[in-house]
Amino acid sequence: MTADNDKDCQRLDLWLWHARVCRQRSDCAALITKGAVRINRQVTNKPHARVRIGDVLGLPGHPWPEIRIWRVLDLAERRGSATQAALLYEVISENSAA
């Protein structure tokens, strides 16, 4: 991958950490490794999977039957406040799996 393409995408674990899904990046990686995260309806278990603007992520909610569907709106260079993190995604739905 060239340096130009790296600006268009970001590691999934890093993006989830910037979006404040988990407190630690290692927790984001563990969530992905369990197969609990989907990118564009495809299950991934690779923390290094690439996420791009416009991708749709399926995330486990809390408590577990909840499913969150987010569209990626932006990539971040660093982890910011919760207000800044909310600008990284659009909530499509927060449904119950049942």
Foldseek 3Di string as FASTA:
>chain_A
DDPVVPQFKFFQLQLCVLLVVDVDSVVSLVCLLVQQKDWQNHGGNGRRDIDGQQIWMWHADPPGQKIWIKGAHDGDPDRDDNVVSVNGIDTPDTDGND
